[in-house]
Amino acid sequence: AYEIQRWKPDPALMFHAAKAMNVNVENCILVDDSVAGAQSGIDAGMEVFYFCADPHNKPIVHPKVTTFTHLSQLPELWKARGWDITA
């Protein structure tokens, strides 16, 4: 963020990260625990996994967002999509 002086929820941050890794943004996923972060991923076109562990935070309802409440859930969520997380 400091490199490009852009902050969540600006999707420019996600585009910058994808470019730095030489990965098309459509092939990226974002795991974030903030609404602003999730919004930046949504706006960039990424699949978003929203870590919503605080019961006071509301889940985000959006087709690109999967809400989860414990980090141990991630491997199964990814496997359910057919993603090989061991490669």
PDB file of N, CA and C in Angstrom:
ATOM      1  N   ALA A   1       0.819  -1.192   0.000  1.00  0.00           N
ATOM      2  CA  ALA A   1       0.000   0.000   0.000  1.00  0.00           C
ATOM      3  C   ALA A   1       0.865   1.259   0.000  1.00  0.00           C
ATOM      4  N   TYR A   2       1.912   1.238   0.812  1.00  0.00           N
ATOM      5  CA  TYR A   2       2.760   2.429   0.884  1.00  0.00           C
ATOM      6  C   TYR A   2       3.495   2.680  -0.431  1.00  0.00           C
ATOM      7  N   GLU A   3       3.867   1.591  -1.124  1.00  0.00           N
ATOM      8  CA  GLU A   3       4.573   1.741  -2.403  1.00  0.00           C
ATOM      9  C   GLU A   3       3.763   2.531  -3.415  1.00  0.00           C
ATOM     10  N   ILE A   4       2.461   2.291  -3.439  1.00  0.00           N
ATOM     11  CA  ILE A   4       1.625   2.945  -4.451  1.00  0.00           C
ATOM     12  C   ILE A   4       0.690   3.991  -3.846  1.00  0.00           C
ATOM     13  N   GLN A   5       0.777   4.161  -2.546  1.00  0.00           N
ATOM     14  CA  GLN A   5      -0.048   5.153  -1.843  1.00  0.00           C
ATOM     15  C   GLN A   5      -1.539   4.968  -2.115  1.00  0.00           C
ATOM     16  N   ARG A   6      -1.963   3.728  -2.051  1.00  0.00           N
ATOM     17  CA  ARG A   6      -3.378   3.372  -2.209  1.00  0.00           C
ATOM     18  C   ARG A   6      -3.754   2.481  -1.038  1.00  0.00           C
ATOM     19  N   TRP A   7      -4.964   2.627  -0.543  1.00  0.00           N
ATOM     20  CA  TRP A   7      -5.397   1.919   0.654  1.00  0.00           C
ATOM     21  C   TRP A   7      -6.710   1.198   0.385  1.00  0.00           C
ATOM     22  N   LYS A   8      -6.933   0.131   1.113  1.00  0.00           N
ATOM     23  CA  LYS A   8      -8.213  -0.559   1.037  1.00  0.00           C
ATOM     24  C   LYS A   8      -9.320   0.443   1.344  1.00  0.00           C
ATOM     25  N   PRO A   9     -10.387   0.441   0.603  1.00  0.00           N
ATOM     26  CA  PRO A   9     -10.883  -0.544  -0.359  1.00  0.00           C
ATOM     27  C   PRO A   9     -10.521  -0.275  -1.821  1.00  0.00           C
ATOM     28  N   ASP A  10      -9.528   0.550  -2.089  1.00  0.00           N
ATOM     29  CA  ASP A  10      -9.129   0.834  -3.467  1.00  0.00           C
ATOM     30  C   ASP A  10      -8.597  -0.449  -4.115  1.00  0.00           C
ATOM     31  N   PRO A  11      -9.194  -0.928  -5.198  1.00  0.00           N
ATOM     32  CA  PRO A  11      -8.726  -2.160  -5.822  1.00  0.00           C
ATOM     33  C   PRO A  11      -7.347  -2.035  -6.463  1.00  0.00           C
ATOM     34  N   ALA A  12      -6.831  -0.827  -6.592  1.00  0.00           N
ATOM     35  CA  ALA A  12      -5.490  -0.655  -7.169  1.00  0.00           C
ATOM     36  C   ALA A  12      -4.455  -1.454  -6.390  1.00  0.00           C
ATOM     37  N   LEU A  13      -4.661  -1.592  -5.105  1.00  0.00           N
ATOM     38  CA  LEU A  13      -3.749  -2.365  -4.268  1.00  0.00           C
ATOM     39  C   LEU A  13      -3.736  -3.831  -4.692  1.00  0.00           C
ATOM     40  N   MET A  14      -4.891  -4.378  -5.008  1.00  0.00           N
ATOM     41  CA  MET A  14      -4.984  -5.777  -5.437  1.00  0.00           C
ATOM     42  C   MET A  14      -4.377  -5.964  -6.826  1.00  0.00           C
ATOM     43  N   PHE A  15      -4.628  -5.003  -7.718  1.00  0.00           N
ATOM     44  CA  PHE A  15      -4.017  -5.073  -9.048  1.00  0.00           C
ATOM     45  C   PHE A  15      -2.494  -5.003  -8.949  1.00  0.00           C
ATOM     46  N   HIS A  16      -1.987  -4.166  -8.069  1.00  0.00           N
ATOM     47  CA  HIS A  16      -0.541  -4.033  -7.868  1.00  0.00           C
ATOM     48  C   HIS A  16       0.051  -5.350  -7.352  1.00  0.00           C
ATOM     49  N   ALA A  17      -0.605  -5.962  -6.380  1.00  0.00           N
ATOM     50  CA  ALA A  17      -0.110  -7.223  -5.819  1.00  0.00           C
ATOM     51  C   ALA A  17      -0.098  -8.323  -6.877  1.00  0.00           C
ATOM     52  N   ALA A  18      -1.160  -8.414  -7.671  1.00  0.00           N
ATOM     53  CA  ALA A  18      -1.224  -9.430  -8.720  1.00  0.00           C
ATOM     54  C   ALA A  18      -0.119  -9.219  -9.749  1.00  0.00           C
ATOM     55  N   LYS A  19       0.073  -7.981 -10.151  1.00  0.00           N
ATOM     56  CA  LYS A  19       1.117  -7.674 -11.133  1.00  0.00           C
ATOM     57  C   LYS A  19       2.496  -8.009 -10.577  1.00  0.00           C
ATOM     58  N   ALA A  20       2.729  -7.707  -9.312  1.00  0.00           N
ATOM     59  CA  ALA A  20       4.030  -7.986  -8.691  1.00  0.00           C
ATOM     60  C   ALA A  20       4.330  -9.484  -8.654  1.00  0.00           C
ATOM     61  N   MET A  21       3.277 -10.301  -8.623  1.00  0.00           N
ATOM     62  CA  MET A  21       3.448 -11.755  -8.600  1.00  0.00           C
ATOM     63  C   MET A  21       3.340 -12.374  -9.992  1.00  0.00           C
ATOM     64  N   ASN A  22       3.156 -11.529 -11.017  1.00  0.00           N
ATOM     65  CA  ASN A  22       2.972 -12.009 -12.392  1.00  0.00           C
ATOM     66  C   ASN A  22       1.802 -12.979 -12.509  1.00  0.00           C
ATOM     67  N   VAL A  23       0.697 -12.634 -11.860  1.00  0.00           N
ATOM     68  CA  VAL A  23      -0.509 -13.456 -11.889  1.00  0.00           C
ATOM     69  C   VAL A  23      -1.667 -12.574 -12.337  1.00  0.00           C
ATOM     70  N   ASN A  24      -2.485 -13.092 -13.250  1.00  0.00           N
ATOM     71  CA  ASN A  24      -3.685 -12.355 -13.639  1.00  0.00           C
ATOM     72  C   ASN A  24      -4.583 -12.216 -12.421  1.00  0.00           C
ATOM     73  N   VAL A  25      -5.138 -11.051 -12.244  1.00  0.00           N
ATOM     74  CA  VAL A  25      -5.964 -10.787 -11.066  1.00  0.00           C
ATOM     75  C   VAL A  25      -7.142 -11.761 -10.978  1.00  0.00           C
ATOM     76  N   GLU A  26      -7.636 -12.235 -12.122  1.00  0.00           N
ATOM     77  CA  GLU A  26      -8.746 -13.187 -12.134  1.00  0.00           C
ATOM     78  C   GLU A  26      -8.341 -14.533 -11.546  1.00  0.00           C
ATOM     79  N   ASN A  27      -7.039 -14.799 -11.479  1.00  0.00           N
ATOM     80  CA  ASN A  27      -6.534 -16.058 -10.937  1.00  0.00           C
ATOM     81  C   ASN A  27      -6.085 -15.930  -9.485  1.00  0.00           C
ATOM     82  N   CYS A  28      -6.365 -14.803  -8.872  1.00  0.00           N
ATOM     83  CA  CYS A  28      -5.975 -14.560  -7.479  1.00  0.00           C
ATOM     84  C   CYS A  28      -7.160 -14.790  -6.553  1.00  0.00           C
ATOM     85  N   ILE A  29      -6.836 -15.134  -5.328  1.00  0.00           N
ATOM     86  CA  ILE A  29      -7.844 -15.137  -4.275  1.00  0.00           C
ATOM     87  C   ILE A  29      -7.347 -14.207  -3.181  1.00  0.00           C
ATOM     88  N   LEU A  30      -8.284 -13.667  -2.453  1.00  0.00           N
ATOM     89  CA  LEU A  30      -7.957 -12.787  -1.341  1.00  0.00           C
ATOM     90  C   LEU A  30      -8.575 -13.357  -0.080  1.00  0.00           C
ATOM     91  N   VAL A  31      -7.758 -13.485   0.955  1.00  0.00           N
ATOM     92  CA  VAL A  31      -8.245 -13.834   2.281  1.00  0.00           C
ATOM     93  C   VAL A  31      -8.052 -12.592   3.123  1.00  0.00           C
ATOM     94  N   ASP A  32      -9.138 -12.074   3.677  1.00  0.00           N
ATOM     95  CA  ASP A  32      -9.059 -10.823   4.432  1.00  0.00           C
ATOM     96  C   ASP A  32     -10.053 -10.856   5.577  1.00  0.00           C
ATOM     97  N   ASP A  33      -9.743 -10.078   6.605  1.00  0.00           N
ATOM     98  CA  ASP A  33     -10.632 -10.029   7.766  1.00  0.00           C
ATOM     99  C   ASP A  33     -11.295  -8.672   7.936  1.00  0.00           C
ATOM    100  N   SER A  34     -11.273  -7.865   6.886  1.00  0.00           N
ATOM    101  CA  SER A  34     -11.906  -6.548   6.978  1.00  0.00           C
ATOM    102  C   SER A  34     -12.877  -6.355   5.817  1.00  0.00           C
ATOM    103  N   VAL A  35     -13.913  -5.577   6.074  1.00  0.00           N
ATOM    104  CA  VAL A  35     -14.874  -5.261   5.020  1.00  0.00           C
ATOM    105  C   VAL A  35     -14.187  -4.476   3.910  1.00  0.00           C
ATOM    106  N   ALA A  36     -13.318  -3.540   4.283  1.00  0.00           N
ATOM    107  CA  ALA A  36     -12.607  -2.735   3.279  1.00  0.00           C
ATOM    108  C   ALA A  36     -11.727  -3.616   2.403  1.00  0.00           C
ATOM    109  N   GLY A  37     -11.034  -4.562   3.008  1.00  0.00           N
ATOM    110  CA  GLY A  37     -10.193  -5.470   2.237  1.00  0.00           C
ATOM    111  C   GLY A  37     -11.010  -6.342   1.310  1.00  0.00           C
ATOM    112  N   ALA A  38     -12.100  -6.884   1.829  1.00  0.00           N
ATOM    113  CA  ALA A  38     -12.972  -7.711   0.996  1.00  0.00           C
ATOM    114  C   ALA A  38     -13.515  -6.908  -0.178  1.00  0.00           C
ATOM    115  N   GLN A  39     -13.891  -5.669   0.072  1.00  0.00           N
ATOM    116  CA  GLN A  39     -14.416  -4.819  -1.003  1.00  0.00           C
ATOM    117  C   GLN A  39     -13.363  -4.571  -2.072  1.00  0.00           C
ATOM    118  N   SER A  40     -12.111  -4.405  -1.670  1.00  0.00           N
ATOM    119  CA  SER A  40     -11.053  -4.197  -2.669  1.00  0.00           C
ATOM    120  C   SER A  40     -10.895  -5.429  -3.544  1.00  0.00           C
ATOM    121  N   GLY A  41     -11.000  -6.610  -2.955  1.00  0.00           N
ATOM    122  CA  GLY A  41     -10.932  -7.836  -3.738  1.00  0.00           C
ATOM    123  C   GLY A  41     -12.110  -7.985  -4.679  1.00  0.00           C
ATOM    124  N   ILE A  42     -13.304  -7.679  -4.187  1.00  0.00           N
ATOM    125  CA  ILE A  42     -14.503  -7.734  -5.026  1.00  0.00           C
ATOM    126  C   ILE A  42     -14.340  -6.805  -6.224  1.00  0.00           C
ATOM    127  N   ASP A  43     -13.934  -5.579  -5.958  1.00  0.00           N
ATOM    128  CA  ASP A  43     -13.803  -4.585  -7.030  1.00  0.00           C
ATOM    129  C   ASP A  43     -12.700  -4.935  -8.023  1.00  0.00           C
ATOM    130  N   ALA A  44     -11.718  -5.722  -7.582  1.00  0.00           N
ATOM    131  CA  ALA A  44     -10.649  -6.155  -8.483  1.00  0.00           C
ATOM    132  C   ALA A  44     -11.045  -7.406  -9.263  1.00  0.00           C
ATOM    133  N   GLY A  45     -12.159  -8.031  -8.893  1.00  0.00           N
ATOM    134  CA  GLY A  45     -12.613  -9.233  -9.582  1.00  0.00           C
ATOM    135  C   GLY A  45     -12.064 -10.521  -9.007  1.00  0.00           C
ATOM    136  N   MET A  46     -11.535 -10.469  -7.804  1.00  0.00           N
ATOM    137  CA  MET A  46     -10.964 -11.647  -7.152  1.00  0.00           C
ATOM    138  C   MET A  46     -12.040 -12.434  -6.409  1.00  0.00           C
ATOM    139  N   GLU A  47     -11.763 -13.721  -6.228  1.00  0.00           N
ATOM    140  CA  GLU A  47     -12.550 -14.515  -5.290  1.00  0.00           C
ATOM    141  C   GLU A  47     -12.086 -14.104  -3.898  1.00  0.00           C
ATOM    142  N   VAL A  48     -13.027 -13.833  -3.010  1.00  0.00           N
ATOM    143  CA  VAL A  48     -12.704 -13.315  -1.681  1.00  0.00           C
ATOM    144  C   VAL A  48     -13.172 -14.297  -0.614  1.00  0.00           C
ATOM    145  N   PHE A  49     -12.286 -14.592   0.308  1.00  0.00           N
ATOM    146  CA  PHE A  49     -12.617 -15.376   1.489  1.00  0.00           C
ATOM    147  C   PHE A  49     -12.531 -14.423   2.668  1.00  0.00           C
ATOM    148  N   TYR A  50     -13.696 -14.116   3.217  1.00  0.00           N
ATOM    149  CA  TYR A  50     -13.819 -13.114   4.276  1.00  0.00           C
ATOM    150  C   TYR A  50     -13.832 -13.806   5.635  1.00  0.00           C
ATOM    151  N   PHE A  51     -12.780 -13.581   6.396  1.00  0.00           N
ATOM    152  CA  PHE A  51     -12.638 -14.148   7.736  1.00  0.00           C
ATOM    153  C   PHE A  51     -13.432 -13.287   8.703  1.00  0.00           C
ATOM    154  N   CYS A  52     -14.590 -13.772   9.075  1.00  0.00           N
ATOM    155  CA  CYS A  52     -15.527 -13.012   9.906  1.00  0.00           C
ATOM    156  C   CYS A  52     -15.647 -13.703  11.266  1.00  0.00           C
ATOM    157  N   ALA A  53     -14.581 -13.632  12.061  1.00  0.00           N
ATOM    158  CA  ALA A  53     -14.552 -14.320  13.348  1.00  0.00           C
ATOM    159  C   ALA A  53     -15.265 -13.543  14.443  1.00  0.00           C
ATOM    160  N   ASP A  54     -15.397 -12.244  14.278  1.00  0.00           N
ATOM    161  CA  ASP A  54     -16.053 -11.409  15.280  1.00  0.00           C
ATOM    162  C   ASP A  54     -17.565 -11.481  15.077  1.00  0.00           C
ATOM    163  N   PRO A  55     -18.307 -11.967  16.067  1.00  0.00           N
ATOM    164  CA  PRO A  55     -19.758 -12.099  15.896  1.00  0.00           C
ATOM    165  C   PRO A  55     -20.476 -10.763  15.694  1.00  0.00           C
ATOM    166  N   HIS A  56     -19.809  -9.660  15.957  1.00  0.00           N
ATOM    167  CA  HIS A  56     -20.419  -8.350  15.740  1.00  0.00           C
ATOM    168  C   HIS A  56     -20.338  -7.913  14.273  1.00  0.00           C
ATOM    169  N   ASN A  57     -19.449  -8.546  13.512  1.00  0.00           N
ATOM    170  CA  ASN A  57     -19.329  -8.232  12.086  1.00  0.00           C
ATOM    171  C   ASN A  57     -20.356  -9.039  11.301  1.00  0.00           C
ATOM    172  N   LYS A  58     -20.990  -8.380  10.370  1.00  0.00           N
ATOM    173  CA  LYS A  58     -21.974  -9.064   9.535  1.00  0.00           C
ATOM    174  C   LYS A  58     -21.272  -9.724   8.352  1.00  0.00           C
ATOM    175  N   PRO A  59     -21.758 -10.894   7.937  1.00  0.00           N
ATOM    176  CA  PRO A  59     -21.215 -11.506   6.726  1.00  0.00           C
ATOM    177  C   PRO A  59     -21.458 -10.600   5.522  1.00  0.00           C
ATOM    178  N   ILE A  60     -20.614 -10.721   4.538  1.00  0.00           N
ATOM    179  CA  ILE A  60     -20.765  -9.969   3.295  1.00  0.00           C
ATOM    180  C   ILE A  60     -21.483 -10.873   2.303  1.00  0.00           C
ATOM    181  N   VAL A  61     -22.587 -10.405   1.785  1.00  0.00           N
ATOM    182  CA  VAL A  61     -23.352 -11.184   0.815  1.00  0.00           C
ATOM    183  C   VAL A  61     -23.001 -10.672  -0.579  1.00  0.00           C
ATOM    184  N   HIS A  62     -22.239 -11.478  -1.292  1.00  0.00           N
ATOM    185  CA  HIS A  62     -21.811 -11.143  -2.653  1.00  0.00           C
ATOM    186  C   HIS A  62     -21.388 -12.449  -3.320  1.00  0.00           C
ATOM    187  N   PRO A  63     -21.656 -12.620  -4.612  1.00  0.00           N
ATOM    188  CA  PRO A  63     -21.308 -13.880  -5.278  1.00  0.00           C
ATOM    189  C   PRO A  63     -19.819 -14.223  -5.256  1.00  0.00           C
ATOM    190  N   LYS A  64     -18.946 -13.240  -5.123  1.00  0.00           N
ATOM    191  CA  LYS A  64     -17.508 -13.507  -5.102  1.00  0.00           C
ATOM    192  C   LYS A  64     -16.968 -13.733  -3.689  1.00  0.00           C
ATOM    193  N   VAL A  65     -17.841 -13.666  -2.680  1.00  0.00           N
ATOM    194  CA  VAL A  65     -17.388 -13.733  -1.287  1.00  0.00           C
ATOM    195  C   VAL A  65     -17.848 -15.021  -0.615  1.00  0.00           C
ATOM    196  N   THR A  66     -16.898 -15.691   0.013  1.00  0.00           N
ATOM    197  CA  THR A  66     -17.181 -16.817   0.890  1.00  0.00           C
ATOM    198  C   THR A  66     -16.787 -16.388   2.292  1.00  0.00           C
ATOM    199  N   THR A  67     -17.753 -16.405   3.194  1.00  0.00           N
ATOM    200  CA  THR A  67     -17.495 -16.010   4.576  1.00  0.00           C
ATOM    201  C   THR A  67     -17.156 -17.252   5.394  1.00  0.00           C
ATOM    202  N   PHE A  68     -16.143 -17.131   6.239  1.00  0.00           N
ATOM    203  CA  PHE A  68     -15.795 -18.230   7.135  1.00  0.00           C
ATOM    204  C   PHE A  68     -15.423 -17.650   8.494  1.00  0.00           C
ATOM    205  N   THR A  69     -15.475 -18.493   9.526  1.00  0.00           N
ATOM    206  CA  THR A  69     -15.283 -18.006  10.889  1.00  0.00           C
ATOM    207  C   THR A  69     -14.068 -18.588  11.600  1.00  0.00           C
ATOM    208  N   HIS A  70     -13.404 -19.555  10.979  1.00  0.00           N
ATOM    209  CA  HIS A  70     -12.207 -20.135  11.586  1.00  0.00           C
ATOM    210  C   HIS A  70     -11.225 -20.496  10.477  1.00  0.00           C
ATOM    211  N   LEU A  71      -9.965 -20.165  10.687  1.00  0.00           N
ATOM    212  CA  LEU A  71      -8.961 -20.403   9.643  1.00  0.00           C
ATOM    213  C   LEU A  71      -8.862 -21.870   9.234  1.00  0.00           C
ATOM    214  N   SER A  72      -9.174 -22.768  10.141  1.00  0.00           N
ATOM    215  CA  SER A  72      -9.096 -24.192   9.810  1.00  0.00           C
ATOM    216  C   SER A  72     -10.106 -24.591   8.732  1.00  0.00           C
ATOM    217  N   GLN A  73     -11.080 -23.741   8.447  1.00  0.00           N
ATOM    218  CA  GLN A  73     -12.086 -24.027   7.415  1.00  0.00           C
ATOM    219  C   GLN A  73     -11.552 -23.832   5.997  1.00  0.00           C
ATOM    220  N   LEU A  74     -10.499 -23.050   5.840  1.00  0.00           N
ATOM    221  CA  LEU A  74     -10.029 -22.705   4.490  1.00  0.00           C
ATOM    222  C   LEU A  74      -9.689 -23.907   3.615  1.00  0.00           C
ATOM    223  N   PRO A  75      -8.901 -24.875   4.082  1.00  0.00           N
ATOM    224  CA  PRO A  75      -8.580 -25.991   3.177  1.00  0.00           C
ATOM    225  C   PRO A  75      -9.813 -26.693   2.615  1.00  0.00           C
ATOM    226  N   GLU A  76     -10.816 -26.923   3.440  1.00  0.00           N
ATOM    227  CA  GLU A  76     -12.027 -27.592   2.953  1.00  0.00           C
ATOM    228  C   GLU A  76     -12.820 -26.708   1.998  1.00  0.00           C
ATOM    229  N   LEU A  77     -12.864 -25.416   2.268  1.00  0.00           N
ATOM    230  CA  LEU A  77     -13.561 -24.498   1.359  1.00  0.00           C
ATOM    231  C   LEU A  77     -12.897 -24.499  -0.010  1.00  0.00           C
ATOM    232  N   TRP A  78     -11.574 -24.512  -0.022  1.00  0.00           N
ATOM    233  CA  TRP A  78     -10.851 -24.525  -1.294  1.00  0.00           C
ATOM    234  C   TRP A  78     -11.018 -25.866  -2.008  1.00  0.00           C
ATOM    235  N   LYS A  79     -10.945 -26.955  -1.265  1.00  0.00           N
ATOM    236  CA  LYS A  79     -11.138 -28.278  -1.871  1.00  0.00           C
ATOM    237  C   LYS A  79     -12.537 -28.405  -2.464  1.00  0.00           C
ATOM    238  N   ALA A  80     -13.539 -27.822  -1.801  1.00  0.00           N
ATOM    239  CA  ALA A  80     -14.915 -27.876  -2.303  1.00  0.00           C
ATOM    240  C   ALA A  80     -15.046 -27.195  -3.660  1.00  0.00           C
ATOM    241  N   ARG A  81     -14.157 -26.284  -3.954  1.00  0.00           N
ATOM    242  CA  ARG A  81     -14.156 -25.615  -5.263  1.00  0.00           C
ATOM    243  C   ARG A  81     -13.298 -26.358  -6.279  1.00  0.00           C
ATOM    244  N   GLY A  82     -12.681 -27.446  -5.840  1.00  0.00           N
ATOM    245  CA  GLY A  82     -11.842 -28.228  -6.733  1.00  0.00           C
ATOM    246  C   GLY A  82     -10.431 -27.700  -6.856  1.00  0.00           C
ATOM    247  N   TRP A  83     -10.041 -26.841  -5.932  1.00  0.00           N
ATOM    248  CA  TRP A  83      -8.701 -26.259  -5.984  1.00  0.00           C
ATOM    249  C   TRP A  83      -7.714 -27.163  -5.275  1.00  0.00           C
ATOM    250  N   ASP A  84      -6.589 -27.417  -5.924  1.00  0.00           N
ATOM    251  CA  ASP A  84      -5.512 -28.206  -5.333  1.00  0.00           C
ATOM    252  C   ASP A  84      -4.613 -27.253  -4.559  1.00  0.00           C
ATOM    253  N   ILE A  85      -4.674 -27.322  -3.251  1.00  0.00           N
ATOM    254  CA  ILE A  85      -3.896 -26.388  -2.431  1.00  0.00           C
ATOM    255  C   ILE A  85      -2.515 -26.922  -2.089  1.00  0.00           C
ATOM    256  N   THR A  86      -2.169 -28.100  -2.620  1.00  0.00           N
ATOM    257  CA  THR A  86      -0.858 -28.670  -2.317  1.00  0.00           C
ATOM    258  C   THR A  86       0.155 -28.404  -3.416  1.00  0.00           C
ATOM    259  N   ALA A  87      -0.311 -27.934  -4.552  1.00  0.00           N
ATOM    260  CA  ALA A  87       0.595 -27.721  -5.699  1.00  0.00           C
ATOM    261  C   ALA A  87       1.463 -26.506  -5.494  1.00  0.00           C
TER     262      ALA A  87
END
